[in-house]
Amino acid sequence: MRYEAIQRHSIQYPLRLMCRCLKVSASGFHDWAKRLPSKRAKNNARLLAKIPQHHADSDGVMGAPRMHEALTYQGETASLNRVARVTSGAAPQRRRWRSKPSGVRPPTCAMSAVGHCGDNAAMEGFFGLLKRDRVHR
């Protein structure tokens, strides 16, 4: 991070002065500047190139878990945590949903007795996600 700061301000201030103030050697800075990107940096850049397209295709509602699933389907071998880390710097922050205070929640009841075919929690959950992602944005 110190070397990056030196590089950003190299036009404004003398290199040796910045190195002395930040307590790094000038030769260390020059070695850092000559280094090629690491394998991890190259892989992150490759992932970073694919993320905006997926984000745009989902109208900006795709988070890290779904992004990881889409990238895995394409053949990428990045972990969920890595996709989350790379995504956090690439995509705009998603909208945070507010939760209601615990005492104000409306009561929800099943449609009828136990085992009613209309009481399908899985479908209700799916349509709830669909409504959240596509309607209430």
N, C-alpha and C. Protein backbone atom coordinates (compact mmCIF):
# COMPACT_ATOMS: atom_id res chain seq x y z
N MET A 1 0.82 -1.17 0.00
CA MET A 1 0.00 0.00 0.00
C MET A 1 0.87 1.26 0.00
N ARG A 2 2.00 1.19 0.67
CA ARG A 2 2.90 2.35 0.68
C ARG A 2 3.46 2.60 -0.70
N TYR A 3 3.82 1.50 -1.38
CA TYR A 3 4.38 1.65 -2.73
C TYR A 3 3.35 2.23 -3.69
N GLU A 4 2.10 1.82 -3.53
CA GLU A 4 1.05 2.36 -4.39
C GLU A 4 0.87 3.85 -4.16
N ALA A 5 0.97 4.28 -2.90
CA ALA A 5 0.86 5.71 -2.60
C ALA A 5 2.02 6.48 -3.22
N ILE A 6 3.20 5.91 -3.15
CA ILE A 6 4.37 6.55 -3.77
C ILE A 6 4.17 6.67 -5.27
N GLN A 7 3.66 5.61 -5.88
CA GLN A 7 3.45 5.62 -7.33
C GLN A 7 2.39 6.66 -7.72
N ARG A 8 1.31 6.77 -6.93
CA ARG A 8 0.26 7.74 -7.24
C ARG A 8 0.76 9.18 -7.18
N HIS A 9 1.66 9.45 -6.26
CA HIS A 9 2.11 10.84 -6.05
C HIS A 9 3.52 11.10 -6.58
N SER A 10 4.00 10.23 -7.43
CA SER A 10 5.38 10.38 -7.92
C SER A 10 5.58 11.62 -8.78
N ILE A 11 4.53 12.15 -9.37
CA ILE A 11 4.66 13.37 -10.18
C ILE A 11 4.72 14.60 -9.27
N GLN A 12 4.01 14.55 -8.15
CA GLN A 12 3.91 15.72 -7.27
C GLN A 12 5.11 15.90 -6.34
N TYR A 13 5.69 14.78 -5.88
CA TYR A 13 6.75 14.86 -4.88
C TYR A 13 7.95 14.05 -5.32
N PRO A 14 9.13 14.39 -4.83
CA PRO A 14 10.33 13.60 -5.16
C PRO A 14 10.24 12.19 -4.56
N LEU A 15 10.71 11.23 -5.32
CA LEU A 15 10.63 9.82 -4.93
C LEU A 15 11.37 9.56 -3.63
N ARG A 16 12.57 10.05 -3.50
CA ARG A 16 13.36 9.77 -2.29
C ARG A 16 12.72 10.38 -1.04
N LEU A 17 12.12 11.55 -1.18
CA LEU A 17 11.44 12.18 -0.05
C LEU A 17 10.27 11.31 0.42
N MET A 18 9.47 10.81 -0.52
CA MET A 18 8.33 9.97 -0.14
C MET A 18 8.81 8.67 0.49
N CYS A 19 9.86 8.07 -0.06
CA CYS A 19 10.39 6.83 0.50
C CYS A 19 10.88 7.04 1.92
N ARG A 20 11.54 8.15 2.15
CA ARG A 20 12.05 8.44 3.49
C ARG A 20 10.89 8.68 4.46
N CYS A 21 9.87 9.43 4.04
CA CYS A 21 8.73 9.71 4.92
C CYS A 21 7.93 8.45 5.23
N LEU A 22 7.80 7.55 4.27
CA LEU A 22 7.03 6.32 4.47
C LEU A 22 7.88 5.16 4.97
N LYS A 23 9.17 5.44 5.21
CA LYS A 23 10.11 4.47 5.77
C LYS A 23 10.22 3.20 4.93
N VAL A 24 10.42 3.39 3.63
CA VAL A 24 10.70 2.28 2.71
C VAL A 24 11.93 2.67 1.89
N SER A 25 12.60 1.69 1.35
CA SER A 25 13.78 1.98 0.54
C SER A 25 13.37 2.28 -0.90
N ALA A 26 14.14 3.12 -1.55
CA ALA A 26 13.87 3.45 -2.94
C ALA A 26 14.07 2.22 -3.82
N SER A 27 15.07 1.40 -3.48
CA SER A 27 15.31 0.19 -4.27
C SER A 27 14.14 -0.79 -4.13
N GLY A 28 13.55 -0.86 -2.95
CA GLY A 28 12.37 -1.71 -2.75
C GLY A 28 11.20 -1.24 -3.60
N PHE A 29 11.02 0.08 -3.69
CA PHE A 29 9.97 0.62 -4.54
C PHE A 29 10.20 0.25 -6.00
N HIS A 30 11.44 0.41 -6.46
CA HIS A 30 11.75 0.10 -7.86
C HIS A 30 11.57 -1.39 -8.15
N ASP A 31 11.94 -2.26 -7.19
CA ASP A 31 11.70 -3.70 -7.36
C ASP A 31 10.21 -4.00 -7.46
N TRP A 32 9.41 -3.34 -6.60
CA TRP A 32 7.96 -3.54 -6.63
C TRP A 32 7.37 -3.08 -7.96
N ALA A 33 7.85 -1.95 -8.47
CA ALA A 33 7.32 -1.39 -9.72
C ALA A 33 7.63 -2.29 -10.92
N LYS A 34 8.74 -3.04 -10.87
CA LYS A 34 9.13 -3.89 -11.99
C LYS A 34 8.45 -5.26 -11.97
N ARG A 35 7.88 -5.65 -10.82
CA ARG A 35 7.28 -6.98 -10.70
C ARG A 35 6.10 -7.16 -11.64
N LEU A 36 5.98 -8.38 -12.14
CA LEU A 36 4.81 -8.74 -12.93
C LEU A 36 3.67 -9.10 -11.99
N PRO A 37 2.44 -8.99 -12.45
CA PRO A 37 1.31 -9.36 -11.58
C PRO A 37 1.39 -10.84 -11.20
N SER A 38 1.00 -11.14 -9.98
CA SER A 38 1.04 -12.53 -9.49
C SER A 38 -0.07 -13.35 -10.15
N LYS A 39 0.01 -14.65 -9.97
CA LYS A 39 -1.00 -15.55 -10.52
C LYS A 39 -2.38 -15.22 -9.94
N ARG A 40 -2.42 -14.93 -8.65
CA ARG A 40 -3.68 -14.58 -8.00
C ARG A 40 -4.24 -13.28 -8.56
N ALA A 41 -3.37 -12.30 -8.78
CA ALA A 41 -3.83 -11.02 -9.34
C ALA A 41 -4.38 -11.21 -10.75
N LYS A 42 -3.74 -12.08 -11.53
CA LYS A 42 -4.24 -12.35 -12.88
C LYS A 42 -5.60 -13.04 -12.84
N ASN A 43 -5.75 -14.02 -11.92
CA ASN A 43 -7.03 -14.71 -11.79
C ASN A 43 -8.13 -13.76 -11.31
N ASN A 44 -7.79 -12.89 -10.36
CA ASN A 44 -8.77 -11.91 -9.89
C ASN A 44 -9.18 -10.97 -11.03
N ALA A 45 -8.23 -10.56 -11.85
CA ALA A 45 -8.55 -9.69 -12.98
C ALA A 45 -9.45 -10.40 -13.99
N ARG A 46 -9.22 -11.69 -14.20
CA ARG A 46 -10.07 -12.46 -15.10
C ARG A 46 -11.49 -12.54 -14.55
N LEU A 47 -11.62 -12.81 -13.24
CA LEU A 47 -12.94 -12.84 -12.62
C LEU A 47 -13.61 -11.47 -12.68
N LEU A 48 -12.82 -10.45 -12.43
CA LEU A 48 -13.34 -9.09 -12.43
C LEU A 48 -13.87 -8.69 -13.80
N ALA A 49 -13.31 -9.26 -14.85
CA ALA A 49 -13.79 -8.96 -16.20
C ALA A 49 -15.15 -9.62 -16.47
N LYS A 50 -15.44 -10.73 -15.80
CA LYS A 50 -16.70 -11.44 -16.03
C LYS A 50 -17.84 -10.96 -15.14
N ILE A 51 -17.51 -10.39 -14.00
CA ILE A 51 -18.53 -10.02 -13.02
C ILE A 51 -19.49 -8.94 -13.53
N PRO A 52 -19.02 -7.84 -14.16
CA PRO A 52 -19.98 -6.81 -14.59
C PRO A 52 -21.03 -7.32 -15.57
N GLN A 53 -20.69 -8.26 -16.43
CA GLN A 53 -21.66 -8.79 -17.38
C GLN A 53 -22.76 -9.57 -16.65
N HIS A 54 -22.37 -10.40 -15.69
CA HIS A 54 -23.37 -11.14 -14.91
C HIS A 54 -24.23 -10.19 -14.10
N HIS A 55 -23.59 -9.16 -13.54
CA HIS A 55 -24.32 -8.19 -12.74
C HIS A 55 -25.34 -7.45 -13.60
N ALA A 56 -24.95 -7.08 -14.82
CA ALA A 56 -25.87 -6.38 -15.73
C ALA A 56 -26.99 -7.31 -16.20
N ASP A 57 -26.67 -8.57 -16.46
CA ASP A 57 -27.69 -9.52 -16.92
C ASP A 57 -28.78 -9.75 -15.87
N SER A 58 -28.42 -9.63 -14.61
CA SER A 58 -29.40 -9.84 -13.54
C SER A 58 -30.07 -8.55 -13.10
N ASP A 59 -29.88 -7.48 -13.85
CA ASP A 59 -30.42 -6.16 -13.50
C ASP A 59 -29.92 -5.68 -12.14
N GLY A 60 -28.73 -6.08 -11.78
CA GLY A 60 -28.10 -5.59 -10.57
C GLY A 60 -28.55 -6.25 -9.29
N VAL A 61 -29.23 -7.39 -9.36
CA VAL A 61 -29.72 -8.03 -8.14
C VAL A 61 -28.92 -9.27 -7.77
N MET A 62 -27.97 -9.67 -8.58
CA MET A 62 -27.21 -10.89 -8.32
C MET A 62 -26.12 -10.62 -7.28
N GLY A 63 -26.19 -11.35 -6.18
CA GLY A 63 -25.18 -11.23 -5.14
C GLY A 63 -24.07 -12.24 -5.34
N ALA A 64 -23.19 -12.33 -4.37
CA ALA A 64 -22.03 -13.22 -4.48
C ALA A 64 -22.40 -14.70 -4.60
N PRO A 65 -23.38 -15.22 -3.85
CA PRO A 65 -23.70 -16.64 -4.00
C PRO A 65 -24.18 -17.00 -5.41
N ARG A 66 -25.07 -16.19 -5.96
CA ARG A 66 -25.55 -16.48 -7.31
C ARG A 66 -24.46 -16.22 -8.34
N MET A 67 -23.63 -15.21 -8.09
CA MET A 67 -22.51 -14.93 -9.00
C MET A 67 -21.55 -16.12 -9.01
N HIS A 68 -21.29 -16.68 -7.84
CA HIS A 68 -20.42 -17.85 -7.74
C HIS A 68 -21.01 -19.02 -8.51
N GLU A 69 -22.31 -19.22 -8.39
CA GLU A 69 -22.97 -20.31 -9.10
C GLU A 69 -22.86 -20.12 -10.62
N ALA A 70 -23.06 -18.89 -11.10
CA ALA A 70 -22.97 -18.62 -12.53
C ALA A 70 -21.54 -18.81 -13.04
N LEU A 71 -20.57 -18.35 -12.27
CA LEU A 71 -19.17 -18.50 -12.68
C LEU A 71 -18.74 -19.96 -12.66
N THR A 72 -19.23 -20.72 -11.69
CA THR A 72 -18.92 -22.15 -11.63
C THR A 72 -19.52 -22.87 -12.83
N TYR A 73 -20.71 -22.47 -13.22
CA TYR A 73 -21.36 -23.06 -14.40
C TYR A 73 -20.55 -22.79 -15.66
N GLN A 74 -19.85 -21.65 -15.70
CA GLN A 74 -18.99 -21.31 -16.84
C GLN A 74 -17.64 -22.01 -16.79
N GLY A 75 -17.33 -22.66 -15.69
CA GLY A 75 -16.07 -23.37 -15.59
C GLY A 75 -15.03 -22.71 -14.73
N GLU A 76 -15.35 -21.61 -14.07
CA GLU A 76 -14.41 -20.96 -13.16
C GLU A 76 -14.28 -21.79 -11.90
N THR A 77 -13.11 -21.75 -11.27
CA THR A 77 -12.87 -22.55 -10.07
C THR A 77 -12.61 -21.68 -8.85
N ALA A 78 -13.23 -20.54 -8.77
CA ALA A 78 -13.04 -19.64 -7.62
C ALA A 78 -14.02 -20.01 -6.52
N SER A 79 -13.59 -19.83 -5.27
CA SER A 79 -14.47 -20.12 -4.14
C SER A 79 -15.48 -19.00 -3.96
N LEU A 80 -16.50 -19.27 -3.16
CA LEU A 80 -17.52 -18.27 -2.87
C LEU A 80 -16.92 -17.05 -2.19
N ASN A 81 -16.00 -17.27 -1.25
CA ASN A 81 -15.38 -16.15 -0.55
C ASN A 81 -14.56 -15.28 -1.51
N ARG A 82 -13.88 -15.90 -2.44
CA ARG A 82 -13.09 -15.13 -3.39
C ARG A 82 -13.99 -14.31 -4.31
N VAL A 83 -15.08 -14.92 -4.77
CA VAL A 83 -16.03 -14.19 -5.61
C VAL A 83 -16.62 -13.02 -4.83
N ALA A 84 -16.94 -13.24 -3.56
CA ALA A 84 -17.48 -12.16 -2.72
C ALA A 84 -16.47 -11.03 -2.57
N ARG A 85 -15.21 -11.38 -2.35
CA ARG A 85 -14.18 -10.36 -2.18
C ARG A 85 -13.97 -9.56 -3.45
N VAL A 86 -13.90 -10.24 -4.59
CA VAL A 86 -13.69 -9.55 -5.86
C VAL A 86 -14.94 -8.75 -6.23
N THR A 87 -16.12 -9.31 -5.95
CA THR A 87 -17.37 -8.63 -6.28
C THR A 87 -17.56 -7.37 -5.45
N SER A 88 -17.13 -7.39 -4.20
CA SER A 88 -17.36 -6.24 -3.33
C SER A 88 -16.68 -4.98 -3.85
N GLY A 89 -15.59 -5.14 -4.56
CA GLY A 89 -14.94 -3.97 -5.13
C GLY A 89 -15.40 -3.64 -6.53
N ALA A 90 -16.14 -4.54 -7.18
CA ALA A 90 -16.51 -4.35 -8.58
C ALA A 90 -17.92 -3.83 -8.78
N ALA A 91 -18.87 -4.38 -8.06
CA ALA A 91 -20.27 -4.05 -8.30
C ALA A 91 -20.76 -3.01 -7.29
N PRO A 92 -21.73 -2.22 -7.68
CA PRO A 92 -22.32 -1.30 -6.71
C PRO A 92 -22.98 -2.08 -5.58
N GLN A 93 -23.03 -1.48 -4.42
CA GLN A 93 -23.61 -2.17 -3.27
C GLN A 93 -25.09 -2.42 -3.50
N ARG A 94 -25.53 -3.60 -3.09
CA ARG A 94 -26.93 -3.93 -3.28
C ARG A 94 -27.76 -3.23 -2.23
N ARG A 95 -29.03 -3.19 -2.48
CA ARG A 95 -29.95 -2.53 -1.57
C ARG A 95 -30.15 -3.39 -0.34
N ARG A 96 -30.08 -2.80 0.81
CA ARG A 96 -30.29 -3.52 2.07
C ARG A 96 -31.78 -3.47 2.40
N TRP A 97 -32.32 -4.61 2.78
CA TRP A 97 -33.73 -4.68 3.12
C TRP A 97 -33.90 -4.40 4.59
N ARG A 98 -34.86 -3.56 4.90
CA ARG A 98 -35.13 -3.24 6.30
C ARG A 98 -36.05 -4.29 6.89
N SER A 99 -35.76 -4.66 8.10
CA SER A 99 -36.64 -5.62 8.77
C SER A 99 -37.57 -4.84 9.69
N LYS A 100 -38.75 -5.37 9.88
CA LYS A 100 -39.72 -4.74 10.75
C LYS A 100 -39.34 -5.05 12.20
N PRO A 101 -39.66 -4.15 13.11
CA PRO A 101 -39.43 -4.45 14.52
C PRO A 101 -40.20 -5.70 14.92
N SER A 102 -39.68 -6.43 15.87
CA SER A 102 -40.23 -7.74 16.20
C SER A 102 -41.68 -7.68 16.70
N GLY A 103 -42.10 -6.60 17.31
CA GLY A 103 -43.45 -6.53 17.84
C GLY A 103 -44.49 -6.11 16.82
N VAL A 104 -44.11 -5.72 15.61
CA VAL A 104 -45.06 -5.17 14.65
C VAL A 104 -45.36 -6.13 13.50
N ARG A 105 -44.83 -7.30 13.51
CA ARG A 105 -45.05 -8.23 12.41
C ARG A 105 -46.50 -8.69 12.36
N PRO A 106 -47.08 -8.68 11.15
CA PRO A 106 -48.47 -9.15 11.04
C PRO A 106 -48.52 -10.67 11.21
N PRO A 107 -49.58 -11.18 11.78
CA PRO A 107 -49.67 -12.64 11.95
C PRO A 107 -49.88 -13.34 10.60
N THR A 108 -49.21 -14.46 10.41
CA THR A 108 -49.39 -15.23 9.19
C THR A 108 -49.94 -16.59 9.58
N CYS A 109 -50.91 -17.03 8.83
CA CYS A 109 -51.56 -18.30 9.13
C CYS A 109 -51.45 -19.23 7.94
N ALA A 110 -51.48 -20.51 8.21
CA ALA A 110 -51.53 -21.48 7.13
C ALA A 110 -52.90 -21.40 6.47
N MET A 111 -53.01 -21.93 5.26
CA MET A 111 -54.26 -21.83 4.52
C MET A 111 -55.37 -22.64 5.17
N SER A 112 -55.02 -23.72 5.80
CA SER A 112 -56.05 -24.53 6.46
C SER A 112 -55.37 -25.55 7.34
N ALA A 113 -55.89 -26.72 7.40
CA ALA A 113 -55.35 -27.75 8.29
C ALA A 113 -53.98 -28.23 7.81
N VAL A 114 -53.35 -29.02 8.64
CA VAL A 114 -52.03 -29.54 8.32
C VAL A 114 -52.10 -30.37 7.04
N GLY A 115 -51.14 -30.19 6.15
CA GLY A 115 -51.06 -30.98 4.92
C GLY A 115 -51.88 -30.43 3.78
N HIS A 116 -52.35 -29.21 3.87
CA HIS A 116 -53.13 -28.62 2.78
C HIS A 116 -52.22 -28.39 1.58
N CYS A 117 -52.69 -28.75 0.38
CA CYS A 117 -51.85 -28.66 -0.80
C CYS A 117 -51.50 -27.22 -1.16
N GLY A 118 -52.32 -26.25 -0.75
CA GLY A 118 -52.02 -24.85 -1.05
C GLY A 118 -51.01 -24.24 -0.11
N ASP A 119 -50.66 -24.97 0.95
CA ASP A 119 -49.73 -24.46 1.94
C ASP A 119 -48.32 -24.90 1.56
N ASN A 120 -47.83 -24.39 0.46
CA ASN A 120 -46.56 -24.83 -0.10
C ASN A 120 -45.46 -23.81 0.22
N ALA A 121 -44.73 -24.05 1.26
CA ALA A 121 -43.72 -23.10 1.73
C ALA A 121 -42.60 -22.89 0.72
N ALA A 122 -42.24 -23.95 0.02
CA ALA A 122 -41.14 -23.82 -0.95
C ALA A 122 -41.51 -22.86 -2.08
N MET A 123 -42.71 -22.98 -2.60
CA MET A 123 -43.14 -22.10 -3.68
C MET A 123 -43.34 -20.67 -3.18
N GLU A 124 -43.87 -20.55 -1.97
CA GLU A 124 -44.04 -19.21 -1.40
C GLU A 124 -42.69 -18.53 -1.24
N GLY A 125 -41.69 -19.29 -0.80
CA GLY A 125 -40.35 -18.73 -0.67
C GLY A 125 -39.78 -18.31 -2.01
N PHE A 126 -39.97 -19.15 -3.03
CA PHE A 126 -39.47 -18.83 -4.37
C PHE A 126 -40.12 -17.56 -4.91
N PHE A 127 -41.45 -17.48 -4.80
CA PHE A 127 -42.14 -16.30 -5.32
C PHE A 127 -41.83 -15.07 -4.49
N GLY A 128 -41.53 -15.25 -3.22
CA GLY A 128 -41.10 -14.12 -2.40
C GLY A 128 -39.77 -13.56 -2.89
N LEU A 129 -38.82 -14.45 -3.20
CA LEU A 129 -37.53 -14.00 -3.75
C LEU A 129 -37.71 -13.34 -5.11
N LEU A 130 -38.55 -13.95 -5.94
CA LEU A 130 -38.80 -13.40 -7.27
C LEU A 130 -39.39 -12.00 -7.17
N LYS A 131 -40.34 -11.84 -6.28
CA LYS A 131 -40.98 -10.54 -6.10
C LYS A 131 -39.98 -9.51 -5.56
N ARG A 132 -39.15 -9.95 -4.62
CA ARG A 132 -38.15 -9.04 -4.05
C ARG A 132 -37.14 -8.59 -5.11
N ASP A 133 -36.68 -9.55 -5.95
CA ASP A 133 -35.65 -9.23 -6.93
C ASP A 133 -36.18 -8.47 -8.14
N ARG A 134 -37.42 -8.71 -8.53
CA ARG A 134 -37.92 -8.15 -9.77
C ARG A 134 -38.97 -7.06 -9.62
N VAL A 135 -39.70 -7.03 -8.52
CA VAL A 135 -40.78 -6.07 -8.37
C VAL A 135 -40.38 -4.94 -7.43
N HIS A 136 -40.00 -5.28 -6.21
CA HIS A 136 -39.70 -4.27 -5.20
C HIS A 136 -38.22 -3.91 -5.20
N ARG A 137 -37.78 -3.12 -6.16
CA ARG A 137 -36.38 -2.73 -6.21
C ARG A 137 -36.24 -1.26 -6.03
